[in-house]
C-alpha atoms as a PDB file:
ATOM      1  CA  MET A   1      39.666   9.367  18.347  1.00  0.00           C
ATOM      2  CA  ALA A   2      42.472   9.231  15.786  1.00  0.00           C
ATOM      3  CA  GLU A   3      40.685   7.523  12.872  1.00  0.00           C
ATOM      4  CA  PHE A   4      37.696   8.739  10.869  1.00  0.00           C
ATOM      5  CA  THR A   5      35.927   6.977   8.001  1.00  0.00           C
ATOM      6  CA  GLN A   6      33.583   8.563   5.488  1.00  0.00           C
ATOM      7  CA  ARG A   7      30.964   6.187   4.073  1.00  0.00           C
ATOM      8  CA  ALA A   8      28.418   6.307   1.268  1.00  0.00           C
ATOM      9  CA  LYS A   9      24.694   5.728   1.905  1.00  0.00           C
ATOM     10  CA  ASN A  10      25.202   2.051   1.146  1.00  0.00           C
ATOM     11  CA  LYS A  11      27.896   2.019   3.863  1.00  0.00           C
ATOM     12  CA  ARG A  12      30.676   1.609   1.289  1.00  0.00           C
ATOM     13  CA  ILE A  13      33.895   3.207   2.557  1.00  0.00           C
ATOM     14  CA  LEU A  14      34.813   6.308   0.573  1.00  0.00           C
ATOM     15  CA  ARG A  15      37.950   7.340   2.469  1.00  0.00           C
ATOM     16  CA  SER A  16      39.585   7.094   5.870  1.00  0.00           C
ATOM     17  CA  ILE A  17      42.204   9.063   7.753  1.00  0.00           C
ATOM     18  CA  ASP A  18      44.358   8.622  10.802  1.00  0.00           C
ATOM     19  CA  THR A  19      44.624  12.127  12.216  1.00  0.00           C
ATOM     20  CA  LYS A  20      47.612  11.260  14.372  1.00  0.00           C
ATOM     21  CA  LYS A  21      49.637  10.179  11.377  1.00  0.00           C
ATOM     22  CA  SER A  22      48.418  12.938   9.052  1.00  0.00           C
ATOM     23  CA  SER A  23      49.396  16.571   8.752  1.00  0.00           C
ATOM     24  CA  THR A  24      47.038  19.418   9.577  1.00  0.00           C
ATOM     25  CA  LYS A  25      46.734  20.151   5.847  1.00  0.00           C
ATOM     26  CA  GLU A  26      45.765  16.538   5.070  1.00  0.00           C
ATOM     27  CA  VAL A  27      43.212  16.452   7.905  1.00  0.00           C
ATOM     28  CA  TYR A  28      41.728  19.741   6.714  1.00  0.00           C
ATOM     29  CA  GLU A  29      41.406  18.489   3.121  1.00  0.00           C
ATOM     30  CA  PHE A  30      39.722  15.296   4.361  1.00  0.00           C
ATOM     31  CA  TYR A  31      37.321  17.415   6.418  1.00  0.00           C
ATOM     32  CA  ARG A  32      36.590  19.819   3.530  1.00  0.00           C
ATOM     33  CA  LYS A  33      35.665  17.069   1.073  1.00  0.00           C
ATOM     34  CA  TRP A  34      33.523  15.232   3.626  1.00  0.00           C
ATOM     35  CA  LYS A  35      31.591  18.369   4.577  1.00  0.00           C
ATOM     36  CA  LYS A  36      30.989  19.249   0.931  1.00  0.00           C
ATOM     37  CA  GLN A  37      29.731  15.751   0.022  1.00  0.00           C
ATOM     38  CA  ALA A  38      27.547  15.631   3.125  1.00  0.00           C
ATOM     39  CA  GLY A  39      25.755  18.748   1.894  1.00  0.00           C
ATOM     40  CA  LEU A  40      25.758  20.371   5.320  1.00  0.00           C
ATOM     41  CA  LYS A  41      24.923  24.049   5.573  1.00  0.00           C
ATOM     42  CA  GLY A  42      27.158  26.530   7.330  1.00  0.00           C
ATOM     43  CA  ALA A  43      30.577  27.911   6.583  1.00  0.00           C
ATOM     44  CA  ALA A  44      33.508  25.553   6.627  1.00  0.00           C
ATOM     45  CA  LEU A  45      36.446  26.085   8.914  1.00  0.00           C
ATOM     46  CA  PRO A  46      39.162  28.305   7.446  1.00  0.00           C
ATOM     47  CA  LYS A  47      42.299  26.677   6.094  1.00  0.00           C
ATOM     48  CA  THR A  48      44.185  28.224   8.992  1.00  0.00           C
ATOM     49  CA  ALA A  49      42.121  26.255  11.564  1.00  0.00           C
ATOM     50  CA  LYS A  50      43.976  24.317  14.191  1.00  0.00           C
ATOM     51  CA  LYS A  51      44.139  20.539  13.935  1.00  0.00           C
ATOM     52  CA  ALA A  52      42.170  20.092  17.185  1.00  0.00           C
ATOM     53  CA  ASP A  53      39.347  22.271  15.831  1.00  0.00           C
ATOM     54  CA  ILE A  54      39.215  20.273  12.591  1.00  0.00           C
ATOM     55  CA  ILE A  55      39.057  17.005  14.543  1.00  0.00           C
ATOM     56  CA  ARG A  56      36.173  18.386  16.589  1.00  0.00           C
ATOM     57  CA  GLU A  57      34.286  19.096  13.355  1.00  0.00           C
ATOM     58  CA  LEU A  58      35.106  15.597  12.109  1.00  0.00           C
ATOM     59  CA  HIS A  59      33.340  14.225  15.185  1.00  0.00           C
ATOM     60  CA  HIS A  60      30.252  16.253  14.189  1.00  0.00           C
ATOM     61  CA  LEU A  61      30.433  14.887  10.645  1.00  0.00           C
ATOM     62  CA  GLU A  62      30.771  11.374  11.996  1.00  0.00           C
ATOM     63  CA  ALA A  63      27.663  11.829  14.182  1.00  0.00           C
ATOM     64  CA  HIS A  64      25.715  13.210  11.207  1.00  0.00           C
ATOM     65  CA  GLN A  65      26.848  10.273   9.088  1.00  0.00           C
ATOM     66  CA  HIS A  66      25.710   7.792  11.734  1.00  0.00           C
ATOM     67  CA  ALA A  67      22.247   9.365  11.839  1.00  0.00           C
ATOM     68  CA  SER A  68      22.002   9.430   8.023  1.00  0.00           C
ATOM     69  CA  LEU A  69      22.988   5.774   7.710  1.00  0.00           C
ATOM     70  CA  GLN A  70      20.445   4.794  10.336  1.00  0.00           C
ATOM     71  CA  ALA A  71      17.724   6.730   8.498  1.00  0.00           C
ATOM     72  CA  ALA A  72      18.655   5.089   5.185  1.00  0.00           C
ATOM     73  CA  SER A  73      18.648   1.663   6.783  1.00  0.00           C
ATOM     74  CA  LYS A  74      15.247   2.331   8.350  1.00  0.00           C
ATOM     75  CA  ALA A  75      13.808   3.478   5.028  1.00  0.00           C
ATOM     76  CA  ALA A  76      15.115   0.364   3.279  1.00  0.00           C
ATOM     77  CA  THR A  77      13.683  -1.892   5.975  1.00  0.00           C
ATOM     78  CA  GLU A  78      10.301  -0.151   5.840  1.00  0.00           C
ATOM     79  CA  LYS A  79      10.232  -0.572   2.060  1.00  0.00           C
ATOM     80  CA  LYS A  80      10.868  -4.307   2.436  1.00  0.00           C
ATOM     81  CA  ILE A  81       8.156  -4.586   5.098  1.00  0.00           C
ATOM     82  CA  LYS A  82       5.635  -2.790   2.873  1.00  0.00           C
ATOM     83  CA  THR A  83       6.478  -5.131  -0.017  1.00  0.00           C
ATOM     84  CA  GLU A  84       6.094  -8.195   2.209  1.00  0.00           C
ATOM     85  CA  PHE A  85       2.800  -6.839   3.582  1.00  0.00           C
ATOM     86  CA  GLU A  86       1.443  -6.388   0.036  1.00  0.00           C
ATOM     87  CA  THR A  87       2.584  -9.892  -0.933  1.00  0.00           C
ATOM     88  CA  ILE A  88       0.801 -11.493   2.020  1.00  0.00           C
ATOM     89  CA  ARG A  89      -2.305  -9.404   1.435  1.00  0.00           C
ATOM     90  CA  ALA A  90      -2.341 -10.532  -2.205  1.00  0.00           C
ATOM     91  CA  ALA A  91      -2.100 -14.133  -1.005  1.00  0.00           C
ATOM     92  CA  ALA A  92      -5.082 -13.529   1.267  1.00  0.00           C
ATOM     93  CA  ARG A  93      -7.176 -12.522  -1.715  1.00  0.00           C
ATOM     94  CA  LYS A  94      -6.294 -15.778  -3.498  1.00  0.00           C
ATOM     95  CA  VAL A  95      -7.382 -18.073  -0.684  1.00  0.00           C
ATOM     96  CA  GLU A  96      -9.685 -20.749  -2.087  1.00  0.00           C
ATOM     97  CA  ASN A  97      -9.748 -23.486   0.536  1.00  0.00           C
ATOM     98  CA  ALA A  98      -8.854 -24.366   4.122  1.00  0.00           C
ATOM     99  CA  ALA A  99      -5.288 -25.349   3.198  1.00  0.00           C
ATOM    100  CA  ASP A 100      -4.682 -21.973   1.518  1.00  0.00           C
ATOM    101  CA  GLN A 101      -6.115 -20.209   4.541  1.00  0.00           C
ATOM    102  CA  GLN A 102      -3.848 -22.153   6.905  1.00  0.00           C
ATOM    103  CA  ARG A 103      -0.771 -21.202   4.850  1.00  0.00           C
ATOM    104  CA  PHE A 104      -1.862 -17.575   4.840  1.00  0.00           C
ATOM    105  CA  MET A 105      -2.298 -17.535   8.625  1.00  0.00           C
ATOM    106  CA  GLN A 106       1.171 -19.045   9.089  1.00  0.00           C
ATOM    107  CA  ARG A 107       2.728 -16.366   6.857  1.00  0.00           C
ATOM    108  CA  ALA A 108       0.786 -13.640   8.639  1.00  0.00           C
ATOM    109  CA  GLU A 109       1.893 -14.892  12.069  1.00  0.00           C
ATOM    110  CA  LYS A 110       5.544 -14.990  10.961  1.00  0.00           C
ATOM    111  CA  PHE A 111       5.214 -11.465   9.531  1.00  0.00           C
ATOM    112  CA  ASN A 112       3.689 -10.175  12.771  1.00  0.00           C
ATOM    113  CA  LYS A 113       6.590 -11.546  14.840  1.00  0.00           C
ATOM    114  CA  LYS A 114       9.126  -9.927  12.522  1.00  0.00           C
ATOM    115  CA  LEU A 115       7.189  -6.649  12.608  1.00  0.00           C
ATOM    116  CA  GLU A 116       7.083  -6.639  16.409  1.00  0.00           C
ATOM    117  CA  SER A 117      10.823  -7.314  16.638  1.00  0.00           C
ATOM    118  CA  LEU A 118      11.700  -4.534  14.169  1.00  0.00           C
ATOM    119  CA  GLN A 119       9.457  -2.037  15.935  1.00  0.00           C
ATOM    120  CA  LYS A 120      10.866  -2.864  19.374  1.00  0.00           C
ATOM    121  CA  SER A 121      14.388  -2.325  18.062  1.00  0.00           C
ATOM    122  CA  GLY A 122      13.345   0.979  16.475  1.00  0.00           C
ATOM    123  CA  LYS A 123      14.289  -0.154  12.971  1.00  0.00           C
ATOM    124  CA  ILE A 124      10.837   0.763  11.617  1.00  0.00           C
ATOM    125  CA  GLY A 125       8.044   3.063  12.752  1.00  0.00           C
ATOM    126  CA  ARG A 126       4.915   2.200  14.713  1.00  0.00           C
ATOM    127  CA  GLU A 127       2.630   3.163  11.831  1.00  0.00           C
ATOM    128  CA  PHE A 128       2.925  -0.361  10.416  1.00  0.00           C
ATOM    129  CA  LYS A 129       0.123  -2.571  11.715  1.00  0.00           C
ATOM    130  CA  PRO A 130       0.169  -6.375  12.049  1.00  0.00           C
ATOM    131  CA  PHE A 131      -2.282  -8.687  10.368  1.00  0.00           C
ATOM    132  CA  SER A 132      -5.099  -9.599  12.730  1.00  0.00           C
ATOM    133  CA  ALA A 133      -8.711 -10.695  12.768  1.00  0.00           C
ATOM    134  CA  THR A 134      -9.775  -7.060  12.495  1.00  0.00           C
ATOM    135  CA  THR A 135      -7.322  -5.897   9.857  1.00  0.00           C
ATOM    136  CA  GLU A 136      -7.054  -8.858   7.497  1.00  0.00           C
ATOM    137  CA  GLU A 137      -9.034 -12.032   7.362  1.00  0.00           C
ATOM    138  CA  ALA A 138      -8.425 -14.559   4.617  1.00  0.00           C
ATOM    139  CA  LYS A 139     -11.629 -15.905   3.173  1.00  0.00           C
ATOM    140  CA  PRO A 140     -12.053 -18.626   0.538  1.00  0.00           C
ATOM    141  CA  ARG A 141     -12.206 -16.752  -2.736  1.00  0.00           C
ATOM    142  CA  LYS A 142     -15.616 -16.733  -4.359  1.00  0.00           C
ATOM    143  CA  LYS A 143     -15.337 -17.581  -8.040  1.00  0.00           C
ATOM    144  CA  HIS A 144     -17.464 -15.800 -10.599  1.00  0.00           C
ATOM    145  CA  PRO A 145     -20.156 -17.935 -12.205  1.00  0.00           C
ATOM    146  CA  ASP A 146     -19.689 -19.302 -15.678  1.00  0.00           C
ATOM    147  CA  ILE A 147     -21.195 -16.402 -17.586  1.00  0.00           C
ATOM    148  CA  THR A 148     -21.764 -18.478 -20.714  1.00  0.00           C
ATOM    149  CA  SER A 149     -24.216 -20.868 -19.129  1.00  0.00           C
ATOM    150  CA  THR A 150     -25.474 -19.705 -15.739  1.00  0.00           C
ATOM    151  CA  PRO A 151     -27.023 -16.503 -14.349  1.00  0.00           C
ATOM    152  CA  ARG A 152     -25.187 -14.369 -11.851  1.00  0.00           C
ATOM    153  CA  ALA A 153     -25.064 -15.897  -8.406  1.00  0.00           C
ATOM    154  CA  PRO A 154     -25.871 -13.731  -5.355  1.00  0.00           C
ATOM    155  CA  LYS A 155     -22.706 -12.851  -3.450  1.00  0.00           C
ATOM    156  CA  GLN A 156     -22.176 -13.030   0.286  1.00  0.00           C
ATOM    157  CA  LYS A 157     -20.585  -9.902   1.708  1.00  0.00           C
ATOM    158  CA  ARG A 158     -17.194 -10.450   3.331  1.00  0.00           C
ATOM    159  CA  ASN A 159     -15.922  -8.666   6.409  1.00  0.00           C
ATOM    160  CA  ASN A 160     -14.660  -5.152   5.832  1.00  0.00           C
ATOM    161  CA  ILE A 161     -10.882  -4.713   5.591  1.00  0.00           C
ATOM    162  CA  TYR A 162      -9.241  -1.546   6.867  1.00  0.00           C
ATOM    163  CA  TYR A 163      -5.513  -0.715   6.665  1.00  0.00           C
ATOM    164  CA  LYS A 164      -3.677   2.033   8.452  1.00  0.00           C
ATOM    165  CA  GLY A 165      -0.514   4.102   8.212  1.00  0.00           C
ATOM    166  CA  SER A 166       1.619   4.409   5.090  1.00  0.00           C
ATOM    167  CA  VAL A 167       0.273   1.187   3.608  1.00  0.00           C
ATOM    168  CA  ALA A 168      -3.267   2.579   3.698  1.00  0.00           C
ATOM    169  CA  HIS A 169      -2.092   5.877   2.190  1.00  0.00           C
ATOM    170  CA  ASP A 170      -0.296   4.129  -0.685  1.00  0.00           C
ATOM    171  CA  TYR A 171      -3.170   1.727  -1.304  1.00  0.00           C
ATOM    172  CA  ILE A 172      -5.850   4.440  -1.448  1.00  0.00           C
ATOM    173  CA  LYS A 173      -3.559   6.585  -3.621  1.00  0.00           C
ATOM    174  CA  LYS A 174      -3.283   3.738  -6.128  1.00  0.00           C
ATOM    175  CA  MET A 175      -7.071   3.388  -6.209  1.00  0.00           C
ATOM    176  CA  CYS A 176      -7.299   7.125  -6.945  1.00  0.00           C
ATOM    177  CA  ASP A 177      -4.556   6.962  -9.594  1.00  0.00           C
ATOM    178  CA  ASP A 178      -6.424   4.098 -11.281  1.00  0.00           C
ATOM    179  CA  GLY A 179      -9.548   6.247 -11.378  1.00  0.00           C
ATOM    180  CA  LEU A 180     -11.526   3.937  -9.112  1.00  0.00           C
ATOM    181  CA  LEU A 181     -12.043   6.444  -6.317  1.00  0.00           C
ATOM    182  CA  ASP A 182     -12.442  10.190  -5.892  1.00  0.00           C
ATOM    183  CA  THR A 183     -11.741  10.326  -2.155  1.00  0.00           C
ATOM    184  CA  ASP A 184     -12.601  14.034  -1.840  1.00  0.00           C
ATOM    185  CA  ASP A 185     -16.219  13.079  -2.377  1.00  0.00           C
ATOM    186  CA  PHE A 186     -16.444  10.627   0.550  1.00  0.00           C
ATOM    187  CA  ASP A 187     -17.356  11.481   4.138  1.00  0.00           C
ATOM    188  CA  ASP A 188     -14.713   9.451   5.990  1.00  0.00           C
ATOM    189  CA  SER A 189     -12.042   6.791   5.634  1.00  0.00           C
ATOM    190  CA  LYS A 190     -14.310   3.923   6.691  1.00  0.00           C
ATOM    191  CA  GLU A 191     -16.663   4.731   3.843  1.00  0.00           C
ATOM    192  CA  ILE A 192     -13.682   4.761   1.473  1.00  0.00           C
ATOM    193  CA  TRP A 193     -12.571   1.317   2.678  1.00  0.00           C
ATOM    194  CA  GLN A 194     -16.134   0.057   2.312  1.00  0.00           C
ATOM    195  CA  ALA A 195     -16.166   1.241  -1.296  1.00  0.00           C
ATOM    196  CA  ILE A 196     -12.807  -0.420  -1.982  1.00  0.00           C
ATOM    197  CA  ASP A 197     -14.075  -3.630  -0.414  1.00  0.00           C
ATOM    198  CA  ASP A 198     -17.245  -3.675  -2.537  1.00  0.00           C
ATOM    199  CA  ILE A 199     -15.390  -2.874  -5.751  1.00  0.00           C
ATOM    200  CA  GLU A 200     -12.708  -5.514  -5.233  1.00  0.00           C
ATOM    201  CA  GLU A 201     -15.257  -8.098  -4.103  1.00  0.00           C
ATOM    202  CA  ASN A 202     -17.203  -7.648  -7.351  1.00  0.00           C
ATOM    203  CA  PRO A 203     -14.608  -6.875 -10.050  1.00  0.00           C
ATOM    204  CA  GLN A 204     -16.532  -8.376 -12.974  1.00  0.00           C
ATOM    205  CA  ASP A 205     -19.781  -6.677 -11.938  1.00  0.00           C
ATOM    206  CA  TYR A 206     -17.931  -3.390 -11.458  1.00  0.00           C
ATOM    207  CA  GLN A 207     -16.349  -3.579 -14.913  1.00  0.00           C
ATOM    208  CA  PHE A 208     -19.757  -4.454 -16.387  1.00  0.00           C
ATOM    209  CA  PHE A 209     -21.201  -1.405 -14.632  1.00  0.00           C
ATOM    210  CA  LEU A 210     -18.377   0.831 -15.933  1.00  0.00           C
ATOM    211  CA  ASP A 211     -18.904  -0.368 -19.493  1.00  0.00           C
ATOM    212  CA  ASN A 212     -22.635   0.342 -19.486  1.00  0.00           C
ATOM    213  CA  TYR A 213     -23.275   3.176 -17.029  1.00  0.00           C
ATOM    214  CA  SER A 214     -24.449   6.362 -18.728  1.00  0.00           C
ATOM    215  CA  GLY A 215     -25.579   8.410 -15.739  1.00  0.00           C
ATOM    216  CA  LYS A 216     -24.470  11.864 -14.646  1.00  0.00           C
ATOM    217  CA  HIS A 217     -22.229  10.928 -11.698  1.00  0.00           C
ATOM    218  CA  LYS A 218     -18.433  11.142 -11.949  1.00  0.00           C
ATOM    219  CA  LYS A 219     -16.555   7.852 -12.014  1.00  0.00           C
ATOM    220  CA  GLY A 220     -15.122   7.096  -8.580  1.00  0.00           C
ATOM    221  CA  SER A 221     -17.377   9.540  -6.760  1.00  0.00           C
ATOM    222  CA  ARG A 222     -19.519   8.688  -3.764  1.00  0.00           C
ATOM    223  CA  GLU A 223     -22.745   8.888  -5.780  1.00  0.00           C
ATOM    224  CA  PHE A 224     -21.223   6.774  -8.545  1.00  0.00           C
ATOM    225  CA  TYR A 225     -20.360   4.120  -5.932  1.00  0.00           C
ATOM    226  CA  TYR A 226     -23.935   4.206  -4.587  1.00  0.00           C
ATOM    227  CA  GLU A 227     -25.271   3.766  -8.126  1.00  0.00           C
ATOM    228  CA  PHE A 228     -23.054   0.683  -8.418  1.00  0.00           C
ATOM    229  CA  LEU A 229     -24.483  -0.772  -5.198  1.00  0.00           C
ATOM    230  CA  ASP A 230     -28.029  -0.067  -6.377  1.00  0.00           C
ATOM    231  CA  THR A 231     -27.268  -1.762  -9.681  1.00  0.00           C
ATOM    232  CA  LEU A 232     -25.930  -4.869  -7.916  1.00  0.00           C
ATOM    233  CA  GLN A 233     -29.182  -5.129  -5.957  1.00  0.00           C
ATOM    234  CA  MET A 234     -31.145  -4.562  -9.153  1.00  0.00           C
ATOM    235  CA  PHE A 235     -29.349  -7.475 -10.847  1.00  0.00           C
ATOM    236  CA  GLU A 236     -30.339  -9.818  -8.019  1.00  0.00           C
ATOM    237  CA  LYS A 237     -33.956  -8.642  -7.943  1.00  0.00           C
ATOM    238  CA  PHE A 238     -34.196  -8.896 -11.738  1.00  0.00           C
ATOM    239  CA  GLU A 239     -32.956 -12.492 -11.806  1.00  0.00           C
ATOM    240  CA  GLU A 240     -35.175 -13.448  -8.889  1.00  0.00           C
ATOM    241  CA  ASP A 241     -38.211 -12.001 -10.676  1.00  0.00           C
ATOM    242  CA  MET A 242     -37.328 -13.758 -13.935  1.00  0.00           C
ATOM    243  CA  LYS A 243     -36.999 -17.084 -12.127  1.00  0.00           C
ATOM    244  CA  ASN A 244     -40.269 -16.620 -10.246  1.00  0.00           C
ATOM    245  CA  ASN A 245     -42.067 -15.936 -13.527  1.00  0.00           C
ATOM    246  CA  LYS A 246     -40.207 -18.749 -15.297  1.00  0.00           C
ATOM    247  CA  GLN A 247     -38.750 -16.364 -17.862  1.00  0.00           C
ATOM    248  CA  PRO A 248     -35.309 -16.832 -19.462  1.00  0.00           C
ATOM    249  CA  ILE A 249     -32.447 -14.765 -18.126  1.00  0.00           C
ATOM    250  CA  PRO A 250     -30.148 -13.264 -20.794  1.00  0.00           C
ATOM    251  CA  GLU A 251     -26.500 -14.223 -20.705  1.00  0.00           C
ATOM    252  CA  PRO A 252     -24.877 -12.246 -17.872  1.00  0.00           C
ATOM    253  CA  TYR A 253     -22.350  -9.490 -18.576  1.00  0.00           C
ATOM    254  CA  THR A 254     -23.696  -8.847 -22.089  1.00  0.00           C
ATOM    255  CA  SER A 255     -25.454  -5.858 -23.621  1.00  0.00           C
ATOM    256  CA  GLU A 256     -28.615  -7.978 -23.867  1.00  0.00           C
ATOM    257  CA  TYR A 257     -28.523  -8.570 -20.125  1.00  0.00           C
ATOM    258  CA  TRP A 258     -28.074  -4.850 -19.341  1.00  0.00           C
ATOM    259  CA  GLN A 259     -30.889  -3.863 -21.687  1.00  0.00           C
ATOM    260  CA  ALA A 260     -33.200  -6.498 -20.196  1.00  0.00           C
ATOM    261  CA  VAL A 261     -32.517  -5.179 -16.704  1.00  0.00           C
ATOM    262  CA  GLU A 262     -33.247  -1.606 -17.842  1.00  0.00           C
ATOM    263  CA  ARG A 263     -36.545  -2.642 -19.433  1.00  0.00           C
ATOM    264  CA  TRP A 264     -37.488  -4.555 -16.287  1.00  0.00           C
ATOM    265  CA  ALA A 265     -36.576  -1.598 -14.049  1.00  0.00           C
ATOM    266  CA  HIS A 266     -38.813   0.772 -16.043  1.00  0.00           C
ATOM    267  CA  LYS A 267     -41.777  -1.557 -15.534  1.00  0.00           C
ATOM    268  CA  ILE A 268     -41.540  -1.869 -11.748  1.00  0.00           C
END
């Protein structure tokens, strides 16, 4: 090969050389600068090296460059896939009716085809998982009751959602960074996903619990999560008991409501 081209990570051409038309000194200087910018370890060839030896090293630099550009391209593609995955997942959480669900399924199917194609070509890793009935299922979003006029409505539990690979790692890390989970305190990943599912399914109840909880358990811990579940059940039992005895239910998500539940719990 007579021509060599050094490129930046964005594939922009930095410099090129035609070794047949260049002197040994010019080829050596081209090689020296390329090796230095590539950050490769090992001693450089001496200035007295023969032109054929320098060209051989240029072939090595070219091979290293090819591998680096492929790695950069793969990283960029994986970043775009992760962003698209998060966007579709966010859309799944906003599904409110059959039409929304149909649009979500169409986007998920298109994403899955793209994912399969990229993985077959080796442009991204196999750790990325497609949307499926077991990994993501769009459900009509359950709206919170009007807290100014109606009591809390019992919630129906949705199917658990588990993610894998780097997406799962990033998602759980964000939950930890936000102080919602202390993963060291949980037994396994499925229990962690269950906690995430329950928290995100009941955001207003969870915030209400955070604002009023005065127990000994650390926020985000396993025991703290179990206290939250117990409190959710207590809310439902409290309201059911009030209705059965034809007693007024305080306005939900207020200090009066929390205090009424505590008084009721001490009596039972």
